[in-house]
PDB file of N, CA and C in Angstrom:
ATOM      1  N   MET A   1       2.392  41.309 -70.883  1.00  0.00           N
ATOM      2  CA  MET A   1       1.551  41.190 -72.038  1.00  0.00           C
ATOM      3  C   MET A   1       0.433  42.235 -71.954  1.00  0.00           C
ATOM      4  N   CYS A   2       0.218  42.939 -73.016  1.00  0.00           N
ATOM      5  CA  CYS A   2      -0.812  43.957 -73.053  1.00  0.00           C
ATOM      6  C   CYS A   2      -2.055  43.378 -73.721  1.00  0.00           C
ATOM      7  N   HIS A   3      -3.205  43.645 -73.163  1.00  0.00           N
ATOM      8  CA  HIS A   3      -4.436  43.124 -73.733  1.00  0.00           C
ATOM      9  C   HIS A   3      -5.451  44.247 -73.876  1.00  0.00           C
ATOM     10  N   SER A   4      -6.492  43.991 -74.622  1.00  0.00           N
ATOM     11  CA  SER A   4      -7.472  45.025 -74.949  1.00  0.00           C
ATOM     12  C   SER A   4      -8.179  45.567 -73.710  1.00  0.00           C
ATOM     13  N   ASP A   5      -8.370  44.754 -72.687  1.00  0.00           N
ATOM     14  CA  ASP A   5      -9.020  45.239 -71.465  1.00  0.00           C
ATOM     15  C   ASP A   5      -8.215  46.383 -70.849  1.00  0.00           C
ATOM     16  N   PHE A   6      -6.915  46.181 -70.789  1.00  0.00           N
ATOM     17  CA  PHE A   6      -6.061  47.210 -70.205  1.00  0.00           C
ATOM     18  C   PHE A   6      -5.978  48.425 -71.121  1.00  0.00           C
ATOM     19  N   MET A   7      -5.931  48.196 -72.414  1.00  0.00           N
ATOM     20  CA  MET A   7      -5.901  49.318 -73.354  1.00  0.00           C
ATOM     21  C   MET A   7      -7.171  50.159 -73.217  1.00  0.00           C
ATOM     22  N   GLU A   8      -8.316  49.500 -73.050  1.00  0.00           N
ATOM     23  CA  GLU A   8      -9.575  50.231 -72.839  1.00  0.00           C
ATOM     24  C   GLU A   8      -9.518  51.030 -71.546  1.00  0.00           C
ATOM     25  N   TRP A   9      -8.945  50.446 -70.506  1.00  0.00           N
ATOM     26  CA  TRP A   9      -8.809  51.164 -69.244  1.00  0.00           C
ATOM     27  C   TRP A   9      -7.952  52.402 -69.451  1.00  0.00           C
ATOM     28  N   MET A  10      -6.864  52.250 -70.179  1.00  0.00           N
ATOM     29  CA  MET A  10      -5.965  53.391 -70.437  1.00  0.00           C
ATOM     30  C   MET A  10      -6.700  54.511 -71.181  1.00  0.00           C
ATOM     31  N   LYS A  11      -7.473  54.148 -72.197  1.00  0.00           N
ATOM     32  CA  LYS A  11      -8.201  55.150 -72.986  1.00  0.00           C
ATOM     33  C   LYS A  11      -9.237  55.897 -72.149  1.00  0.00           C
ATOM     34  N   SER A  12      -9.861  55.194 -71.231  1.00  0.00           N
ATOM     35  CA  SER A  12     -10.928  55.822 -70.451  1.00  0.00           C
ATOM     36  C   SER A  12     -10.434  56.450 -69.152  1.00  0.00           C
ATOM     37  N   ASN A  13      -9.142  56.392 -68.885  1.00  0.00           N
ATOM     38  CA  ASN A  13      -8.591  56.954 -67.652  1.00  0.00           C
ATOM     39  C   ASN A  13      -7.436  57.903 -67.939  1.00  0.00           C
ATOM     40  N   VAL A  14      -7.652  58.767 -68.914  1.00  0.00           N
ATOM     41  CA  VAL A  14      -6.650  59.776 -69.245  1.00  0.00           C
ATOM     42  C   VAL A  14      -6.390  60.623 -67.998  1.00  0.00           C
ATOM     43  N   GLY A  15      -5.123  60.830 -67.696  1.00  0.00           N
ATOM     44  CA  GLY A  15      -4.760  61.613 -66.521  1.00  0.00           C
ATOM     45  C   GLY A  15      -4.486  60.765 -65.294  1.00  0.00           C
ATOM     46  N   ALA A  16      -4.764  59.469 -65.376  1.00  0.00           N
ATOM     47  CA  ALA A  16      -4.492  58.577 -64.247  1.00  0.00           C
ATOM     48  C   ALA A  16      -2.983  58.472 -64.048  1.00  0.00           C
ATOM     49  N   THR A  17      -2.597  58.132 -62.861  1.00  0.00           N
ATOM     50  CA  THR A  17      -1.172  58.004 -62.549  1.00  0.00           C
ATOM     51  C   THR A  17      -0.667  56.613 -62.928  1.00  0.00           C
ATOM     52  N   LEU A  18       0.635  56.474 -62.935  1.00  0.00           N
ATOM     53  CA  LEU A  18       1.234  55.167 -63.182  1.00  0.00           C
ATOM     54  C   LEU A  18       0.800  54.185 -62.093  1.00  0.00           C
ATOM     55  N   ASP A  19       0.698  54.669 -60.867  1.00  0.00           N
ATOM     56  CA  ASP A  19       0.250  53.816 -59.770  1.00  0.00           C
ATOM     57  C   ASP A  19      -1.183  53.332 -60.017  1.00  0.00           C
ATOM     58  N   ASP A  20      -2.049  54.219 -60.533  1.00  0.00           N
ATOM     59  CA  ASP A  20      -3.413  53.821 -60.887  1.00  0.00           C
ATOM     60  C   ASP A  20      -3.390  52.719 -61.940  1.00  0.00           C
ATOM     61  N   ALA A  21      -2.541  52.891 -62.927  1.00  0.00           N
ATOM     62  CA  ALA A  21      -2.449  51.915 -64.014  1.00  0.00           C
ATOM     63  C   ALA A  21      -1.967  50.561 -63.494  1.00  0.00           C
ATOM     64  N   VAL A  22      -0.991  50.576 -62.626  1.00  0.00           N
ATOM     65  CA  VAL A  22      -0.474  49.325 -62.056  1.00  0.00           C
ATOM     66  C   VAL A  22      -1.578  48.623 -61.260  1.00  0.00           C
ATOM     67  N   SER A  23      -2.320  49.385 -60.476  1.00  0.00           N
ATOM     68  CA  SER A  23      -3.423  48.798 -59.696  1.00  0.00           C
ATOM     69  C   SER A  23      -4.480  48.195 -60.618  1.00  0.00           C
ATOM     70  N   ALA A  24      -4.848  48.932 -61.666  1.00  0.00           N
ATOM     71  CA  ALA A  24      -5.836  48.428 -62.624  1.00  0.00           C
ATOM     72  C   ALA A  24      -5.332  47.163 -63.301  1.00  0.00           C
ATOM     73  N   TRP A  25      -4.054  47.162 -63.652  1.00  0.00           N
ATOM     74  CA  TRP A  25      -3.458  45.987 -64.305  1.00  0.00           C
ATOM     75  C   TRP A  25      -3.616  44.749 -63.415  1.00  0.00           C
ATOM     76  N   HIS A  26      -3.316  44.901 -62.138  1.00  0.00           N
ATOM     77  CA  HIS A  26      -3.411  43.757 -61.222  1.00  0.00           C
ATOM     78  C   HIS A  26      -4.858  43.272 -61.087  1.00  0.00           C
ATOM     79  N   VAL A  27      -5.810  44.180 -61.033  1.00  0.00           N
ATOM     80  CA  VAL A  27      -7.221  43.792 -60.962  1.00  0.00           C
ATOM     81  C   VAL A  27      -7.603  42.998 -62.209  1.00  0.00           C
ATOM     82  N   LEU A  28      -7.205  43.505 -63.365  1.00  0.00           N
ATOM     83  CA  LEU A  28      -7.527  42.821 -64.624  1.00  0.00           C
ATOM     84  C   LEU A  28      -6.838  41.461 -64.718  1.00  0.00           C
ATOM     85  N   GLU A  29      -5.611  41.380 -64.287  1.00  0.00           N
ATOM     86  CA  GLU A  29      -4.875  40.116 -64.337  1.00  0.00           C
ATOM     87  C   GLU A  29      -5.405  39.089 -63.340  1.00  0.00           C
ATOM     88  N   ASP A  30      -5.879  39.555 -62.188  1.00  0.00           N
ATOM     89  CA  ASP A  30      -6.402  38.636 -61.174  1.00  0.00           C
ATOM     90  C   ASP A  30      -7.639  37.887 -61.661  1.00  0.00           C
ATOM     91  N   ARG A  31      -8.339  38.453 -62.640  1.00  0.00           N
ATOM     92  CA  ARG A  31      -9.513  37.760 -63.183  1.00  0.00           C
ATOM     93  C   ARG A  31      -9.120  36.424 -63.806  1.00  0.00           C
ATOM     94  N   LYS A  32      -7.883  36.295 -64.239  1.00  0.00           N
ATOM     95  CA  LYS A  32      -7.424  35.050 -64.859  1.00  0.00           C
ATOM     96  C   LYS A  32      -7.478  33.869 -63.891  1.00  0.00           C
ATOM     97  N   LEU A  33      -7.497  34.146 -62.610  1.00  0.00           N
ATOM     98  CA  LEU A  33      -7.533  33.083 -61.605  1.00  0.00           C
ATOM     99  C   LEU A  33      -8.885  32.379 -61.581  1.00  0.00           C
ATOM    100  N   ASP A  34      -9.912  33.042 -62.101  1.00  0.00           N
ATOM    101  CA  ASP A  34     -11.244  32.459 -62.176  1.00  0.00           C
ATOM    102  C   ASP A  34     -11.292  31.551 -63.404  1.00  0.00           C
ATOM    103  N   PRO A  35     -11.475  30.238 -63.222  1.00  0.00           N
ATOM    104  CA  PRO A  35     -11.447  29.314 -64.369  1.00  0.00           C
ATOM    105  C   PRO A  35     -12.577  29.552 -65.376  1.00  0.00           C
ATOM    106  N   THR A  36     -13.620  30.278 -64.973  1.00  0.00           N
ATOM    107  CA  THR A  36     -14.723  30.550 -65.897  1.00  0.00           C
ATOM    108  C   THR A  36     -14.532  31.857 -66.661  1.00  0.00           C
ATOM    109  N   PHE A  37     -13.499  32.605 -66.320  1.00  0.00           N
ATOM    110  CA  PHE A  37     -13.275  33.898 -66.979  1.00  0.00           C
ATOM    111  C   PHE A  37     -12.793  33.711 -68.413  1.00  0.00           C
ATOM    112  N   ARG A  38     -13.424  34.439 -69.322  1.00  0.00           N
ATOM    113  CA  ARG A  38     -12.989  34.468 -70.727  1.00  0.00           C
ATOM    114  C   ARG A  38     -12.937  35.914 -71.161  1.00  0.00           C
ATOM    115  N   ARG A  39     -11.765  36.332 -71.532  1.00  0.00           N
ATOM    116  CA  ARG A  39     -11.577  37.710 -71.976  1.00  0.00           C
ATOM    117  C   ARG A  39     -12.361  37.947 -73.262  1.00  0.00           C
ATOM    118  N   GLU A  40     -12.963  39.087 -73.366  1.00  0.00           N
ATOM    119  CA  GLU A  40     -13.655  39.495 -74.583  1.00  0.00           C
ATOM    120  C   GLU A  40     -12.599  39.754 -75.662  1.00  0.00           C
ATOM    121  N   ILE A  41     -12.813  39.194 -76.832  1.00  0.00           N
ATOM    122  CA  ILE A  41     -11.906  39.432 -77.950  1.00  0.00           C
ATOM    123  C   ILE A  41     -12.575  40.442 -78.870  1.00  0.00           C
ATOM    124  N   ALA A  42     -11.901  41.533 -79.122  1.00  0.00           N
ATOM    125  CA  ALA A  42     -12.462  42.585 -79.966  1.00  0.00           C
ATOM    126  C   ALA A  42     -12.834  42.031 -81.340  1.00  0.00           C
ATOM    127  N   GLU A  43     -13.926  42.541 -81.885  1.00  0.00           N
ATOM    128  CA  GLU A  43     -14.405  42.060 -83.179  1.00  0.00           C
ATOM    129  C   GLU A  43     -13.351  42.207 -84.267  1.00  0.00           C
ATOM    130  N   CYS A  44     -12.538  43.232 -84.157  1.00  0.00           N
ATOM    131  CA  CYS A  44     -11.527  43.466 -85.190  1.00  0.00           C
ATOM    132  C   CYS A  44     -10.379  42.458 -85.125  1.00  0.00           C
ATOM    133  N   ASN A  45     -10.267  41.691 -84.035  1.00  0.00           N
ATOM    134  CA  ASN A  45      -9.193  40.709 -83.914  1.00  0.00           C
ATOM    135  C   ASN A  45      -9.673  39.359 -84.441  1.00  0.00           C
ATOM    136  N   ASN A  46      -9.798  39.314 -85.759  1.00  0.00           N
ATOM    137  CA  ASN A  46     -10.326  38.143 -86.438  1.00  0.00           C
ATOM    138  C   ASN A  46      -9.496  36.891 -86.154  1.00  0.00           C
ATOM    139  N   TYR A  47      -8.187  37.037 -86.099  1.00  0.00           N
ATOM    140  CA  TYR A  47      -7.278  35.907 -85.872  1.00  0.00           C
ATOM    141  C   TYR A  47      -7.571  35.213 -84.541  1.00  0.00           C
ATOM    142  N   LEU A  48      -7.593  35.965 -83.458  1.00  0.00           N
ATOM    143  CA  LEU A  48      -7.824  35.357 -82.147  1.00  0.00           C
ATOM    144  C   LEU A  48      -9.237  34.800 -82.012  1.00  0.00           C
ATOM    145  N   ARG A  49     -10.208  35.488 -82.598  1.00  0.00           N
ATOM    146  CA  ARG A  49     -11.585  34.980 -82.566  1.00  0.00           C
ATOM    147  C   ARG A  49     -11.671  33.632 -83.283  1.00  0.00           C
ATOM    148  N   TYR A  50     -11.028  33.538 -84.437  1.00  0.00           N
ATOM    149  CA  TYR A  50     -11.038  32.282 -85.191  1.00  0.00           C
ATOM    150  C   TYR A  50     -10.392  31.166 -84.367  1.00  0.00           C
ATOM    151  N   LEU A  51      -9.217  31.439 -83.802  1.00  0.00           N
ATOM    152  CA  LEU A  51      -8.518  30.413 -83.025  1.00  0.00           C
ATOM    153  C   LEU A  51      -9.343  29.969 -81.818  1.00  0.00           C
ATOM    154  N   ARG A  52      -9.991  30.903 -81.146  1.00  0.00           N
ATOM    155  CA  ARG A  52     -10.821  30.523 -80.000  1.00  0.00           C
ATOM    156  C   ARG A  52     -11.991  29.663 -80.469  1.00  0.00           C
ATOM    157  N   ASP A  53     -12.652  30.091 -81.524  1.00  0.00           N
ATOM    158  CA  ASP A  53     -13.825  29.356 -82.008  1.00  0.00           C
ATOM    159  C   ASP A  53     -13.477  27.935 -82.456  1.00  0.00           C
ATOM    160  N   ILE A  54     -12.425  27.798 -83.244  1.00  0.00           N
ATOM    161  CA  ILE A  54     -12.085  26.455 -83.752  1.00  0.00           C
ATOM    162  C   ILE A  54     -11.677  25.527 -82.614  1.00  0.00           C
ATOM    163  N   ARG A  55     -10.982  26.051 -81.623  1.00  0.00           N
ATOM    164  CA  ARG A  55     -10.560  25.199 -80.510  1.00  0.00           C
ATOM    165  C   ARG A  55     -11.697  24.942 -79.531  1.00  0.00           C
ATOM    166  N   ASP A  56     -12.654  25.860 -79.415  1.00  0.00           N
ATOM    167  CA  ASP A  56     -13.832  25.608 -78.590  1.00  0.00           C
ATOM    168  C   ASP A  56     -14.658  24.463 -79.161  1.00  0.00           C
ATOM    169  N   HIS A  57     -14.717  24.382 -80.477  1.00  0.00           N
ATOM    170  CA  HIS A  57     -15.519  23.349 -81.133  1.00  0.00           C
ATOM    171  C   HIS A  57     -14.760  22.041 -81.347  1.00  0.00           C
ATOM    172  N   ASN A  58     -13.466  22.067 -81.149  1.00  0.00           N
ATOM    173  CA  ASN A  58     -12.619  20.879 -81.373  1.00  0.00           C
ATOM    174  C   ASN A  58     -11.595  20.804 -80.251  1.00  0.00           C
ATOM    175  N   GLN A  59     -12.019  20.266 -79.116  1.00  0.00           N
ATOM    176  CA  GLN A  59     -11.213  20.273 -77.893  1.00  0.00           C
ATOM    177  C   GLN A  59      -9.835  19.625 -78.047  1.00  0.00           C
ATOM    178  N   ASN A  60      -9.698  18.644 -78.935  1.00  0.00           N
ATOM    179  CA  ASN A  60      -8.420  17.945 -79.088  1.00  0.00           C
ATOM    180  C   ASN A  60      -7.491  18.585 -80.113  1.00  0.00           C
ATOM    181  N   LEU A  61      -7.939  19.648 -80.730  1.00  0.00           N
ATOM    182  CA  LEU A  61      -7.139  20.321 -81.748  1.00  0.00           C
ATOM    183  C   LEU A  61      -5.998  21.090 -81.077  1.00  0.00           C
ATOM    184  N   THR A  62      -4.790  20.920 -81.582  1.00  0.00           N
ATOM    185  CA  THR A  62      -3.665  21.665 -81.026  1.00  0.00           C
ATOM    186  C   THR A  62      -3.671  23.092 -81.567  1.00  0.00           C
ATOM    187  N   LEU A  63      -2.939  23.959 -80.913  1.00  0.00           N
ATOM    188  CA  LEU A  63      -2.828  25.335 -81.388  1.00  0.00           C
ATOM    189  C   LEU A  63      -2.198  25.368 -82.776  1.00  0.00           C
ATOM    190  N   ASP A  64      -1.190  24.541 -83.005  1.00  0.00           N
ATOM    191  CA  ASP A  64      -0.551  24.484 -84.328  1.00  0.00           C
ATOM    192  C   ASP A  64      -1.536  24.056 -85.412  1.00  0.00           C
ATOM    193  N   GLU A  65      -2.405  23.103 -85.094  1.00  0.00           N
ATOM    194  CA  GLU A  65      -3.414  22.668 -86.063  1.00  0.00           C
ATOM    195  C   GLU A  65      -4.435  23.778 -86.333  1.00  0.00           C
ATOM    196  N   ALA A  66      -4.826  24.479 -85.286  1.00  0.00           N
ATOM    197  CA  ALA A  66      -5.767  25.589 -85.450  1.00  0.00           C
ATOM    198  C   ALA A  66      -5.157  26.683 -86.315  1.00  0.00           C
ATOM    199  N   ILE A  67      -3.888  26.964 -86.097  1.00  0.00           N
ATOM    200  CA  ILE A  67      -3.192  27.975 -86.901  1.00  0.00           C
ATOM    201  C   ILE A  67      -3.076  27.520 -88.348  1.00  0.00           C
ATOM    202  N   ALA A  68      -2.848  26.243 -88.559  1.00  0.00           N
ATOM    203  CA  ALA A  68      -2.769  25.708 -89.928  1.00  0.00           C
ATOM    204  C   ALA A  68      -4.102  25.905 -90.647  1.00  0.00           C
ATOM    205  N   CYS A  69      -5.203  25.688 -89.951  1.00  0.00           N
ATOM    206  CA  CYS A  69      -6.517  25.926 -90.552  1.00  0.00           C
ATOM    207  C   CYS A  69      -6.698  27.403 -90.871  1.00  0.00           C
ATOM    208  N   TRP A  70      -6.311  28.267 -89.941  1.00  0.00           N
ATOM    209  CA  TRP A  70      -6.384  29.718 -90.180  1.00  0.00           C
ATOM    210  C   TRP A  70      -5.574  30.099 -91.415  1.00  0.00           C
ATOM    211  N   ASP A  71      -4.370  29.574 -91.502  1.00  0.00           N
ATOM    212  CA  ASP A  71      -3.494  29.917 -92.634  1.00  0.00           C
ATOM    213  C   ASP A  71      -4.127  29.560 -93.968  1.00  0.00           C
ATOM    214  N   GLN A  72      -4.833  28.444 -94.007  1.00  0.00           N
ATOM    215  CA  GLN A  72      -5.494  28.035 -95.244  1.00  0.00           C
ATOM    216  C   GLN A  72      -6.779  28.837 -95.491  1.00  0.00           C
ATOM    217  N   LYS A  73      -7.517  29.092 -94.443  1.00  0.00           N
ATOM    218  CA  LYS A  73      -8.806  29.774 -94.586  1.00  0.00           C
ATOM    219  C   LYS A  73      -8.625  31.250 -94.949  1.00  0.00           C
ATOM    220  N   LYS A  74      -7.619  31.913 -94.373  1.00  0.00           N
ATOM    221  CA  LYS A  74      -7.472  33.359 -94.558  1.00  0.00           C
ATOM    222  C   LYS A  74      -7.121  33.741 -95.998  1.00  0.00           C
ATOM    223  N   ILE A  75      -6.606  32.805 -96.787  1.00  0.00           N
ATOM    224  CA  ILE A  75      -6.229  33.142 -98.159  1.00  0.00           C
ATOM    225  C   ILE A  75      -7.401  32.996 -99.129  1.00  0.00           C
ATOM    226  N   ARG A  76      -8.535  32.554 -98.613  1.00  0.00           N
ATOM    227  CA  ARG A  76      -9.733  32.403 -99.446  1.00  0.00           C
ATOM    228  C   ARG A  76     -10.614  33.641 -99.312  1.00  0.00           C
ATOM    229  N   PRO A  77     -11.264  34.019-100.404  1.00  0.00           N
ATOM    230  CA  PRO A  77     -12.101  35.225-100.342  1.00  0.00           C
ATOM    231  C   PRO A  77     -13.317  35.036 -99.432  1.00  0.00           C
ATOM    232  N   THR A  78     -13.735  36.119 -98.785  1.00  0.00           N
ATOM    233  CA  THR A  78     -14.943  36.117 -97.962  1.00  0.00           C
ATOM    234  C   THR A  78     -15.826  37.286 -98.395  1.00  0.00           C
ATOM    235  N   LYS A  79     -17.096  37.214 -98.061  1.00  0.00           N
ATOM    236  CA  LYS A  79     -18.028  38.283 -98.433  1.00  0.00           C
ATOM    237  C   LYS A  79     -17.689  39.602 -97.745  1.00  0.00           C
ATOM    238  N   ASP A  80     -17.365  39.516 -96.459  1.00  0.00           N
ATOM    239  CA  ASP A  80     -17.165  40.737 -95.678  1.00  0.00           C
ATOM    240  C   ASP A  80     -15.729  40.944 -95.198  1.00  0.00           C
ATOM    241  N   GLY A  81     -14.828  40.062 -95.598  1.00  0.00           N
ATOM    242  CA  GLY A  81     -13.435  40.199 -95.186  1.00  0.00           C
ATOM    243  C   GLY A  81     -13.096  39.519 -93.878  1.00  0.00           C
ATOM    244  N   PHE A  82     -14.104  38.995 -93.171  1.00  0.00           N
ATOM    245  CA  PHE A  82     -13.857  38.317 -91.904  1.00  0.00           C
ATOM    246  C   PHE A  82     -13.773  36.812 -92.122  1.00  0.00           C
ATOM    247  N   VAL A  83     -12.795  36.201 -91.487  1.00  0.00           N
ATOM    248  CA  VAL A  83     -12.619  34.750 -91.552  1.00  0.00           C
ATOM    249  C   VAL A  83     -13.354  34.159 -90.358  1.00  0.00           C
ATOM    250  N   ILE A  84     -14.347  33.338 -90.638  1.00  0.00           N
ATOM    251  CA  ILE A  84     -15.185  32.734 -89.595  1.00  0.00           C
ATOM    252  C   ILE A  84     -14.967  31.223 -89.607  1.00  0.00           C
ATOM    253  N   TYR A  85     -14.810  30.647 -88.421  1.00  0.00           N
ATOM    254  CA  TYR A  85     -14.640  29.199 -88.324  1.00  0.00           C
ATOM    255  C   TYR A  85     -15.906  28.487 -88.800  1.00  0.00           C
ATOM    256  N   GLU A  86     -15.700  27.445 -89.589  1.00  0.00           N
ATOM    257  CA  GLU A  86     -16.762  26.536 -90.012  1.00  0.00           C
ATOM    258  C   GLU A  86     -16.225  25.115 -89.857  1.00  0.00           C
ATOM    259  N   LYS A  87     -17.093  24.194 -89.561  1.00  0.00           N
ATOM    260  CA  LYS A  87     -16.677  22.806 -89.326  1.00  0.00           C
ATOM    261  C   LYS A  87     -15.854  22.253 -90.499  1.00  0.00           C
ATOM    262  N   ALA A  88     -16.188  22.659 -91.710  1.00  0.00           N
ATOM    263  CA  ALA A  88     -15.482  22.188 -92.904  1.00  0.00           C
ATOM    264  C   ALA A  88     -14.011  22.623 -92.924  1.00  0.00           C
ATOM    265  N   ASP A  89     -13.648  23.598 -92.105  1.00  0.00           N
ATOM    266  CA  ASP A  89     -12.249  24.067 -92.062  1.00  0.00           C
ATOM    267  C   ASP A  89     -11.284  22.959 -91.669  1.00  0.00           C
ATOM    268  N   LEU A  90     -11.785  21.962 -90.959  1.00  0.00           N
ATOM    269  CA  LEU A  90     -10.918  20.856 -90.514  1.00  0.00           C
ATOM    270  C   LEU A  90     -10.377  20.056 -91.698  1.00  0.00           C
ATOM    271  N   THR A  91     -11.011  20.171 -92.856  1.00  0.00           N
ATOM    272  CA  THR A  91     -10.498  19.461 -94.041  1.00  0.00           C
ATOM    273  C   THR A  91      -9.139  20.014 -94.458  1.00  0.00           C
ATOM    274  N   TYR A  92      -8.799  21.200 -94.031  1.00  0.00           N
ATOM    275  CA  TYR A  92      -7.490  21.763 -94.355  1.00  0.00           C
ATOM    276  C   TYR A  92      -6.355  20.961 -93.720  1.00  0.00           C
ATOM    277  N   LEU A  93      -6.671  20.156 -92.728  1.00  0.00           N
ATOM    278  CA  LEU A  93      -5.657  19.351 -92.058  1.00  0.00           C
ATOM    279  C   LEU A  93      -5.395  18.021 -92.747  1.00  0.00           C
ATOM    280  N   GLU A  94      -6.228  17.689 -93.717  1.00  0.00           N
ATOM    281  CA  GLU A  94      -6.086  16.394 -94.392  1.00  0.00           C
ATOM    282  C   GLU A  94      -4.965  16.423 -95.418  1.00  0.00           C
TER     283      GLU A  94
END
């Protein structure tokens, strides 16, 4: 699985070897072993930010339920084009 952390490493290490990339990948992946680690989600990844936010605020919400809320929310107009989680979004599940 490719993630933004590794993509950033690739962009900033032009000329690095494949071995360098593999080593960097393992360092980045090992961070997952820390239960407090949370990967930064790029601002442009509105979908993942929304899913993280809604599930952070609603611990018992399943991923399918969070996606259902996203599906309903994303079709509504926004001022700036970004879909932001709001507590009222849970009404989409009713």
